[in-house]
C-alpha atoms as a PDB file:
ATOM      1  CA  MET A   1     161.959 168.487 155.833  1.00  0.00           C
ATOM      2  CA  ILE A   2     160.083 165.830 154.278  1.00  0.00           C
ATOM      3  CA  ALA A   3     160.498 165.655 150.133  1.00  0.00           C
ATOM      4  CA  VAL A   4     157.448 166.145 148.184  1.00  0.00           C
ATOM      5  CA  LEU A   5     157.399 164.423 145.269  1.00  0.00           C
ATOM      6  CA  PRO A   6     155.960 165.868 141.874  1.00  0.00           C
ATOM      7  CA  PRO A   7     152.513 164.211 141.152  1.00  0.00           C
ATOM      8  CA  GLU A   8     154.072 162.840 137.337  1.00  0.00           C
ATOM      9  CA  THR A   9     156.712 161.270 139.034  1.00  0.00           C
ATOM     10  CA  VAL A  10     154.552 158.972 141.389  1.00  0.00           C
ATOM     11  CA  TRP A  11     152.479 158.325 138.677  1.00  0.00           C
ATOM     12  CA  LYS A  12     155.500 157.355 136.670  1.00  0.00           C
ATOM     13  CA  ASN A  13     156.473 155.180 139.785  1.00  0.00           C
ATOM     14  CA  GLY A  14     153.129 153.383 140.289  1.00  0.00           C
ATOM     15  CA  THR A  15     152.943 152.613 136.665  1.00  0.00           C
ATOM     16  CA  VAL A  16     156.278 150.977 136.627  1.00  0.00           C
ATOM     17  CA  LEU A  17     155.166 149.032 140.092  1.00  0.00           C
ATOM     18  CA  ARG A  18     151.978 147.832 137.958  1.00  0.00           C
ATOM     19  CA  SER A  19     153.713 147.191 135.120  1.00  0.00           C
ATOM     20  CA  LYS A  20     156.451 145.123 136.836  1.00  0.00           C
ATOM     21  CA  ALA A  21     153.256 143.216 138.968  1.00  0.00           C
ATOM     22  CA  PHE A  22     151.587 142.343 135.771  1.00  0.00           C
ATOM     23  CA  ARG A  23     154.779 141.202 134.306  1.00  0.00           C
ATOM     24  CA  ARG A  24     155.297 138.615 137.365  1.00  0.00           C
ATOM     25  CA  LEU A  25     151.717 137.619 137.129  1.00  0.00           C
ATOM     26  CA  LEU A  26     152.161 136.733 133.328  1.00  0.00           C
ATOM     27  CA  ILE A  27     155.073 134.770 134.090  1.00  0.00           C
ATOM     28  CA  LEU A  28     153.540 132.881 136.768  1.00  0.00           C
ATOM     29  CA  ILE A  29     150.180 131.777 134.965  1.00  0.00           C
ATOM     30  CA  VAL A  30     152.666 130.809 131.665  1.00  0.00           C
ATOM     31  CA  SER A  31     154.776 128.854 134.104  1.00  0.00           C
ATOM     32  CA  LEU A  32     151.588 127.257 135.676  1.00  0.00           C
ATOM     33  CA  LEU A  33     149.935 126.478 132.130  1.00  0.00           C
ATOM     34  CA  ALA A  34     153.581 124.955 130.966  1.00  0.00           C
ATOM     35  CA  VAL A  35     153.683 122.325 133.766  1.00  0.00           C
ATOM     36  CA  VAL A  36     150.125 121.348 133.573  1.00  0.00           C
ATOM     37  CA  TRP A  37     150.687 120.936 129.701  1.00  0.00           C
ATOM     38  CA  VAL A  38     153.876 118.787 130.809  1.00  0.00           C
ATOM     39  CA  ILE A  39     151.564 116.786 133.341  1.00  0.00           C
ATOM     40  CA  ASP A  40     149.011 115.986 130.690  1.00  0.00           C
ATOM     41  CA  SER A  41     151.295 115.117 128.097  1.00  0.00           C
ATOM     42  CA  ALA A  42     152.888 112.574 130.106  1.00  0.00           C
ATOM     43  CA  ILE A  43     149.803 111.185 131.206  1.00  0.00           C
ATOM     44  CA  ALA A  44     148.402 110.701 127.488  1.00  0.00           C
ATOM     45  CA  ALA A  45     151.591 109.129 126.516  1.00  0.00           C
ATOM     46  CA  ARG A  46     151.822 107.139 129.315  1.00  0.00           C
ATOM     47  CA  ALA A  47     148.421 105.546 128.392  1.00  0.00           C
ATOM     48  CA  GLU A  48     149.316 105.343 124.807  1.00  0.00           C
ATOM     49  CA  ARG A  49     152.510 103.447 125.421  1.00  0.00           C
ATOM     50  CA  SER A  50     150.380 101.090 127.937  1.00  0.00           C
ATOM     51  CA  PHE A  51     147.800 100.063 125.125  1.00  0.00           C
ATOM     52  CA  ALA A  52     150.338 100.309 122.317  1.00  0.00           C
ATOM     53  CA  GLN A  53     152.073  97.450 124.433  1.00  0.00           C
ATOM     54  CA  ALA A  54     148.481  95.888 124.719  1.00  0.00           C
ATOM     55  CA  VAL A  55     147.828  95.783 121.002  1.00  0.00           C
ATOM     56  CA  GLU A  56     151.787  94.698 120.156  1.00  0.00           C
ATOM     57  CA  GLU A  57     151.102  91.566 122.712  1.00  0.00           C
ATOM     58  CA  SER A  58     147.199  90.806 121.529  1.00  0.00           C
ATOM     59  CA  ALA A  59     148.132  90.936 117.883  1.00  0.00           C
ATOM     60  CA  GLU A  60     151.865  89.592 118.586  1.00  0.00           C
ATOM     61  CA  LEU A  61     153.747  92.575 116.203  1.00  0.00           C
ATOM     62  CA  GLU A  62     157.502  92.286 115.649  1.00  0.00           C
ATOM     63  CA  MET A  63     157.156  96.067 116.868  1.00  0.00           C
ATOM     64  CA  SER A  64     154.903  98.478 118.598  1.00  0.00           C
ATOM     65  CA  PRO A  65     152.212 100.069 116.511  1.00  0.00           C
ATOM     66  CA  GLY A  66     152.093 103.888 116.608  1.00  0.00           C
ATOM     67  CA  VAL A  67     149.168 104.977 118.904  1.00  0.00           C
ATOM     68  CA  TYR A  68     147.760 108.783 119.777  1.00  0.00           C
ATOM     69  CA  PHE A  69     144.748 109.696 122.107  1.00  0.00           C
ATOM     70  CA  GLY A  70     143.555 112.961 121.328  1.00  0.00           C
ATOM     71  CA  GLY A  71     141.930 115.619 123.247  1.00  0.00           C
ATOM     72  CA  THR A  72     143.118 118.953 124.476  1.00  0.00           C
ATOM     73  CA  PRO A  73     143.702 118.826 127.283  1.00  0.00           C
ATOM     74  CA  TYR A  74     143.815 114.763 127.092  1.00  0.00           C
ATOM     75  CA  THR A  75     142.823 114.878 131.016  1.00  0.00           C
ATOM     76  CA  GLN A  76     139.581 116.639 130.091  1.00  0.00           C
ATOM     77  CA  ALA A  77     138.188 113.006 129.620  1.00  0.00           C
ATOM     78  CA  LEU A  78     138.316 112.970 133.598  1.00  0.00           C
ATOM     79  CA  ILE A  79     135.408 115.343 133.489  1.00  0.00           C
ATOM     80  CA  SER A  80     133.814 114.479 130.133  1.00  0.00           C
ATOM     81  CA  GLY A  81     134.228 110.765 130.822  1.00  0.00           C
ATOM     82  CA  LYS A  82     135.327 110.492 126.771  1.00  0.00           C
ATOM     83  CA  ILE A  83     138.656 110.331 124.950  1.00  0.00           C
ATOM     84  CA  LYS A  84     137.838 112.245 121.951  1.00  0.00           C
ATOM     85  CA  GLN A  85     139.927 110.196 119.313  1.00  0.00           C
ATOM     86  CA  VAL A  86     142.239 106.782 119.824  1.00  0.00           C
ATOM     87  CA  SER A  87     144.024 105.911 116.780  1.00  0.00           C
ATOM     88  CA  VAL A  88     146.389 103.141 116.595  1.00  0.00           C
ATOM     89  CA  SER A  89     148.227 102.923 112.937  1.00  0.00           C
ATOM     90  CA  VAL A  90     150.326  99.660 111.903  1.00  0.00           C
ATOM     91  CA  SER A  91     152.604  99.863 108.690  1.00  0.00           C
ATOM     92  CA  ASP A  92     154.157  96.854 106.653  1.00  0.00           C
ATOM     93  CA  VAL A  93     152.617  94.003 108.388  1.00  0.00           C
ATOM     94  CA  ASP A  94     152.804  90.929 106.284  1.00  0.00           C
ATOM     95  CA  THR A  95     149.567  89.309 105.894  1.00  0.00           C
ATOM     96  CA  PRO A  96     148.975  85.577 104.327  1.00  0.00           C
ATOM     97  CA  ASN A  97     146.339  86.953 101.759  1.00  0.00           C
ATOM     98  CA  PHE A  98     147.617  90.606 100.574  1.00  0.00           C
ATOM     99  CA  GLY A  99     151.364  90.701 101.616  1.00  0.00           C
ATOM    100  CA  LEU A 100     152.602  93.960 103.222  1.00  0.00           C
ATOM    101  CA  ILE A 101     149.577  96.086 104.587  1.00  0.00           C
ATOM    102  CA  THR A 102     149.574  99.167 106.421  1.00  0.00           C
ATOM    103  CA  THR A 103     146.357  99.464 108.732  1.00  0.00           C
ATOM    104  CA  THR A 104     144.613 102.625 110.540  1.00  0.00           C
ATOM    105  CA  THR A 105     142.159 102.406 113.347  1.00  0.00           C
ATOM    106  CA  ASP A 106     140.491 105.306 114.367  1.00  0.00           C
ATOM    107  CA  ALA A 107     137.862 105.456 117.291  1.00  0.00           C
ATOM    108  CA  VAL A 108     135.631 108.858 118.239  1.00  0.00           C
ATOM    109  CA  ASP A 109     134.204 109.522 121.605  1.00  0.00           C
ATOM    110  CA  VAL A 110     135.544 106.421 123.716  1.00  0.00           C
ATOM    111  CA  GLN A 111     133.687 106.217 126.915  1.00  0.00           C
ATOM    112  CA  VAL A 112     136.183 105.835 129.645  1.00  0.00           C
ATOM    113  CA  GLY A 113     136.398 105.885 133.375  1.00  0.00           C
ATOM    114  CA  ALA A 114     138.798 107.631 135.559  1.00  0.00           C
ATOM    115  CA  SER A 115     141.004 104.952 135.863  1.00  0.00           C
ATOM    116  CA  GLN A 116     141.139 103.895 131.844  1.00  0.00           C
ATOM    117  CA  VAL A 117     142.079 107.737 131.441  1.00  0.00           C
ATOM    118  CA  PHE A 118     145.902 106.915 133.234  1.00  0.00           C
ATOM    119  CA  SER A 119     145.908 103.098 132.210  1.00  0.00           C
ATOM    120  CA  GLY A 120     144.792 103.383 128.595  1.00  0.00           C
ATOM    121  CA  ALA A 121     142.869  99.970 129.031  1.00  0.00           C
ATOM    122  CA  ILE A 122     140.208 101.326 126.492  1.00  0.00           C
ATOM    123  CA  GLN A 123     139.047  97.548 125.541  1.00  0.00           C
ATOM    124  CA  GLY A 124     135.594  97.017 126.579  1.00  0.00           C
ATOM    125  CA  SER A 125     134.651 100.562 126.150  1.00  0.00           C
ATOM    126  CA  ARG A 126     132.012 102.098 123.609  1.00  0.00           C
ATOM    127  CA  ALA A 127     133.047 104.178 120.792  1.00  0.00           C
ATOM    128  CA  LEU A 128     130.463 106.574 119.101  1.00  0.00           C
ATOM    129  CA  LEU A 129     132.260 105.737 116.006  1.00  0.00           C
ATOM    130  CA  LEU A 130     135.323 103.148 114.465  1.00  0.00           C
ATOM    131  CA  THR A 131     136.991 104.100 111.334  1.00  0.00           C
ATOM    132  CA  GLN A 132     139.382 101.136 110.252  1.00  0.00           C
ATOM    133  CA  THR A 133     141.464 101.468 106.526  1.00  0.00           C
ATOM    134  CA  ILE A 134     143.722  99.198 105.239  1.00  0.00           C
ATOM    135  CA  GLY A 135     146.367 100.477 102.617  1.00  0.00           C
ATOM    136  CA  LEU A 136     147.674  98.053  99.738  1.00  0.00           C
ATOM    137  CA  ASP A 137     150.779  99.847  97.892  1.00  0.00           C
ATOM    138  CA  ALA A 138     151.732  98.999  94.532  1.00  0.00           C
ATOM    139  CA  VAL A 139     153.660  95.960  95.368  1.00  0.00           C
ATOM    140  CA  SER A 140     150.871  94.348  97.073  1.00  0.00           C
ATOM    141  CA  VAL A 141     148.407  94.710  94.171  1.00  0.00           C
ATOM    142  CA  GLY A 142     151.071  94.186  91.801  1.00  0.00           C
ATOM    143  CA  GLN A 143     151.361  90.769  93.518  1.00  0.00           C
ATOM    144  CA  GLN A 144     147.604  90.023  93.261  1.00  0.00           C
ATOM    145  CA  LEU A 145     147.989  90.834  89.631  1.00  0.00           C
ATOM    146  CA  GLY A 146     151.115  89.049  88.753  1.00  0.00           C
ATOM    147  CA  ILE A 147     153.193  92.307  87.880  1.00  0.00           C
ATOM    148  CA  ALA A 148     156.241  92.920  89.489  1.00  0.00           C
ATOM    149  CA  ASP A 149     156.760  96.803  88.766  1.00  0.00           C
ATOM    150  CA  LEU A 150     153.136  97.736  88.929  1.00  0.00           C
ATOM    151  CA  ASP A 151     152.442 101.717  89.528  1.00  0.00           C
ATOM    152  CA  ILE A 152     148.968 102.914  91.007  1.00  0.00           C
ATOM    153  CA  SER A 153     148.362 106.445  90.601  1.00  0.00           C
ATOM    154  CA  ASN A 154     145.242 109.149  90.548  1.00  0.00           C
ATOM    155  CA  PRO A 155     144.419 109.399  87.280  1.00  0.00           C
ATOM    156  CA  TYR A 156     143.567 113.162  87.580  1.00  0.00           C
ATOM    157  CA  ASP A 157     146.132 114.444  90.095  1.00  0.00           C
ATOM    158  CA  ILE A 158     149.733 112.953  88.992  1.00  0.00           C
ATOM    159  CA  SER A 159     151.143 114.507  91.987  1.00  0.00           C
ATOM    160  CA  PRO A 160     153.037 112.277  94.638  1.00  0.00           C
ATOM    161  CA  ASN A 161     150.563 113.663  97.246  1.00  0.00           C
ATOM    162  CA  GLY A 162     146.955 113.258  95.037  1.00  0.00           C
ATOM    163  CA  GLY A 163     144.153 113.482  96.476  1.00  0.00           C
ATOM    164  CA  THR A 164     141.676 110.423  96.827  1.00  0.00           C
ATOM    165  CA  ALA A 165     140.048 109.260  93.526  1.00  0.00           C
ATOM    166  CA  SER A 166     137.097 106.225  93.017  1.00  0.00           C
ATOM    167  CA  GLU A 167     139.219 105.419  89.796  1.00  0.00           C
ATOM    168  CA  ALA A 168     142.966 104.786  89.636  1.00  0.00           C
ATOM    169  CA  GLN A 169     145.746 104.547  87.000  1.00  0.00           C
ATOM    170  CA  LEU A 170     147.800 101.137  86.750  1.00  0.00           C
ATOM    171  CA  ARG A 171     151.134 100.962  84.902  1.00  0.00           C
ATOM    172  CA  GLY A 172     152.926  97.756  84.514  1.00  0.00           C
ATOM    173  CA  THR A 173     154.329  95.341  82.621  1.00  0.00           C
ATOM    174  CA  LEU A 174     152.506  92.041  81.966  1.00  0.00           C
ATOM    175  CA  LYS A 175     154.067  88.618  81.705  1.00  0.00           C
ATOM    176  CA  GLY A 176     155.633  87.864  78.345  1.00  0.00           C
ATOM    177  CA  GLN A 177     155.794  91.444  77.685  1.00  0.00           C
ATOM    178  CA  SER A 178     158.825  93.783  76.850  1.00  0.00           C
ATOM    179  CA  LYS A 179     157.324  97.316  77.534  1.00  0.00           C
ATOM    180  CA  PRO A 180     154.871  98.567  80.160  1.00  0.00           C
ATOM    181  CA  VAL A 181     150.880  98.996  80.049  1.00  0.00           C
ATOM    182  CA  SER A 182     148.988 101.483  81.015  1.00  0.00           C
ATOM    183  CA  VAL A 183     145.062 101.746  81.802  1.00  0.00           C
ATOM    184  CA  VAL A 184     142.471 103.673  83.834  1.00  0.00           C
ATOM    185  CA  ALA A 185     140.185 101.130  86.269  1.00  0.00           C
ATOM    186  CA  ASP A 186     137.008 101.519  88.259  1.00  0.00           C
ATOM    187  CA  LEU A 187     136.966 100.890  91.867  1.00  0.00           C
ATOM    188  CA  ARG A 188     133.849  99.650  93.225  1.00  0.00           C
ATOM    189  CA  ILE A 189     132.831  97.714  96.135  1.00  0.00           C
ATOM    190  CA  GLU A 190     129.575  95.582  95.368  1.00  0.00           C
ATOM    191  CA  GLY A 191     128.027  93.822  98.212  1.00  0.00           C
ATOM    192  CA  PRO A 192     131.004  91.810 100.077  1.00  0.00           C
ATOM    193  CA  ASP A 193     133.337  92.052  96.719  1.00  0.00           C
ATOM    194  CA  PHE A 194     135.903  94.511  95.690  1.00  0.00           C
ATOM    195  CA  ARG A 195     136.198  95.054  91.709  1.00  0.00           C
ATOM    196  CA  LEU A 196     138.872  96.483  90.282  1.00  0.00           C
ATOM    197  CA  THR A 197     138.081  96.871  86.335  1.00  0.00           C
ATOM    198  CA  PRO A 198     139.768  98.627  83.837  1.00  0.00           C
ATOM    199  CA  THR A 199     137.625 100.899  81.321  1.00  0.00           C
ATOM    200  CA  LYS A 200     140.370 102.169  79.285  1.00  0.00           C
ATOM    201  CA  VAL A 201     143.978 101.346  77.737  1.00  0.00           C
ATOM    202  CA  LEU A 202     146.074 104.475  77.690  1.00  0.00           C
ATOM    203  CA  ASP A 203     149.109 102.803  76.585  1.00  0.00           C
ATOM    204  CA  ARG A 204     149.396  99.319  74.904  1.00  0.00           C
ATOM    205  CA  GLY A 205     153.226  98.775  75.445  1.00  0.00           C
ATOM    206  CA  ASP A 206     155.043  96.663  72.678  1.00  0.00           C
ATOM    207  CA  GLY A 207     151.576  96.640  71.084  1.00  0.00           C
ATOM    208  CA  THR A 208     151.373  92.715  70.974  1.00  0.00           C
ATOM    209  CA  LEU A 209     148.214  92.373  73.030  1.00  0.00           C
ATOM    210  CA  SER A 210     144.532  93.611  72.279  1.00  0.00           C
ATOM    211  CA  ASP A 211     143.077  96.298  74.606  1.00  0.00           C
ATOM    212  CA  GLU A 212     140.626  93.304  75.816  1.00  0.00           C
ATOM    213  CA  ALA A 213     143.537  91.287  76.798  1.00  0.00           C
ATOM    214  CA  ILE A 214     145.389  94.077  78.600  1.00  0.00           C
ATOM    215  CA  MET A 215     141.909  95.026  80.576  1.00  0.00           C
ATOM    216  CA  ASP A 216     141.440  90.981  81.316  1.00  0.00           C
ATOM    217  CA  ALA A 217     145.111  90.983  82.778  1.00  0.00           C
ATOM    218  CA  MET A 218     144.690  94.062  84.990  1.00  0.00           C
ATOM    219  CA  SER A 219     141.324  93.088  86.448  1.00  0.00           C
ATOM    220  CA  TRP A 220     140.756  92.051  89.844  1.00  0.00           C
ATOM    221  CA  ARG A 221     138.379  90.675  92.580  1.00  0.00           C
ATOM    222  CA  ILE A 222     138.398  90.054  95.995  1.00  0.00           C
ATOM    223  CA  ASP A 223     136.172  89.020  99.216  1.00  0.00           C
ATOM    224  CA  THR A 224     136.211  92.042 101.190  1.00  0.00           C
ATOM    225  CA  ARG A 225     135.476  90.075 104.380  1.00  0.00           C
ATOM    226  CA  LEU A 226     139.024  88.791 104.146  1.00  0.00           C
ATOM    227  CA  LEU A 227     140.471  91.707 104.527  1.00  0.00           C
ATOM    228  CA  PRO A 228     141.599  92.534 108.611  1.00  0.00           C
ATOM    229  CA  MET A 229     138.340  94.306 109.397  1.00  0.00           C
ATOM    230  CA  ARG A 230     135.463  94.020 111.999  1.00  0.00           C
ATOM    231  CA  SER A 231     133.452  94.268 109.134  1.00  0.00           C
ATOM    232  CA  GLN A 232     133.219  94.313 105.152  1.00  0.00           C
ATOM    233  CA  ALA A 233     134.626  97.089 103.799  1.00  0.00           C
ATOM    234  CA  GLY A 234     131.953  99.789 102.415  1.00  0.00           C
ATOM    235  CA  PHE A 235     134.653 102.719 101.044  1.00  0.00           C
ATOM    236  CA  VAL A 236     137.620 102.055  98.425  1.00  0.00           C
ATOM    237  CA  TYR A 237     139.822 104.553  96.855  1.00  0.00           C
ATOM    238  CA  VAL A 238     143.704 105.519  96.008  1.00  0.00           C
ATOM    239  CA  SER A 239     145.400 108.201  97.266  1.00  0.00           C
ATOM    240  CA  GLY A 240     149.322 108.633  97.346  1.00  0.00           C
ATOM    241  CA  GLY A 241     149.962 105.546  95.209  1.00  0.00           C
ATOM    242  CA  THR A 242     148.093 103.304  97.769  1.00  0.00           C
ATOM    243  CA  LEU A 243     144.532 101.313  97.382  1.00  0.00           C
ATOM    244  CA  TYR A 244     142.441 102.174 100.804  1.00  0.00           C
ATOM    245  CA  PHE A 245     139.704  99.886 102.036  1.00  0.00           C
ATOM    246  CA  GLN A 246     137.810 101.507 104.770  1.00  0.00           C
ATOM    247  CA  ALA A 247     134.889 100.484 107.002  1.00  0.00           C
ATOM    248  CA  GLN A 248     132.761 102.127 109.715  1.00  0.00           C
ATOM    249  CA  GLU A 249     130.816 101.063 112.409  1.00  0.00           C
ATOM    250  CA  ARG A 250     128.660 103.170 114.985  1.00  0.00           C
ATOM    251  CA  ASN A 251     128.004 102.721 118.674  1.00  0.00           C
ATOM    252  CA  VAL A 252     130.111  99.779 118.946  1.00  0.00           C
ATOM    253  CA  THR A 253     132.229  97.959 121.889  1.00  0.00           C
ATOM    254  CA  LEU A 254     135.811  97.847 121.264  1.00  0.00           C
ATOM    255  CA  ARG A 255     138.018  94.843 121.340  1.00  0.00           C
ATOM    256  CA  LEU A 256     141.855  94.683 120.954  1.00  0.00           C
ATOM    257  CA  ARG A 257     141.464  92.816 117.923  1.00  0.00           C
ATOM    258  CA  ASP A 258     139.871  95.842 116.543  1.00  0.00           C
ATOM    259  CA  PHE A 259     143.366  97.290 116.401  1.00  0.00           C
ATOM    260  CA  SER A 260     144.927  94.210 115.262  1.00  0.00           C
ATOM    261  CA  PRO A 261     146.252  94.572 111.676  1.00  0.00           C
ATOM    262  CA  THR A 262     146.031  90.651 111.464  1.00  0.00           C
ATOM    263  CA  ASN A 263     142.201  90.764 112.796  1.00  0.00           C
ATOM    264  CA  ILE A 264     139.424  88.991 110.195  1.00  0.00           C
ATOM    265  CA  GLY A 265     135.662  89.758 111.336  1.00  0.00           C
END
């Protein structure tokens, strides 16, 4: 005698089988995606290490710079022929003109061949946009002004991570003074020159100096062509207690020296 299962039992069993098959398929897809992600990350990491070493040797750095090759997934560059973003950052590099500086160089839409995707050797490639940013902290700027305890901040946002501003609040003890003074200063790029010009005295310190003397002591002017950039700075701003200079160029051929904190011109 053949047993006949009730219709509801057959339906339930079919549902269970479909549910198990769906779970197996989902697990397979997730596993494949995980494998692809690991392989893609490994290829990107290898390219980043290779380029970091090339920059380190070219600039004679004491440590390897931070390098990031962007794109999700990174290996999409094999199809598109472009690496979406290449970012190189170097911190606390001692320079003869400005003391310790930080540099960040970002290249956007870097045209590459398949071999460059794997090797990371992007020098000689074309980039749609190249942005170079040089950061001078309060110690470096203080050395230029002769103020050992200089503090730089956003005059409108005193939080540690205050946003960018084209003005700065400077506070420090001038030579021969017993108390720090404080001023608000304009930050301006005029042709190749950068000018830091105090516009208002907020605190006269011990009161022995006039406003004019204080503003004169805290003024600063430099030729931005002395900064380690491919071209002269076009933007200047303060953020997080650091003074930043930035230069941008479009449709450029990349050189190793463009990613070096010791490059000038």
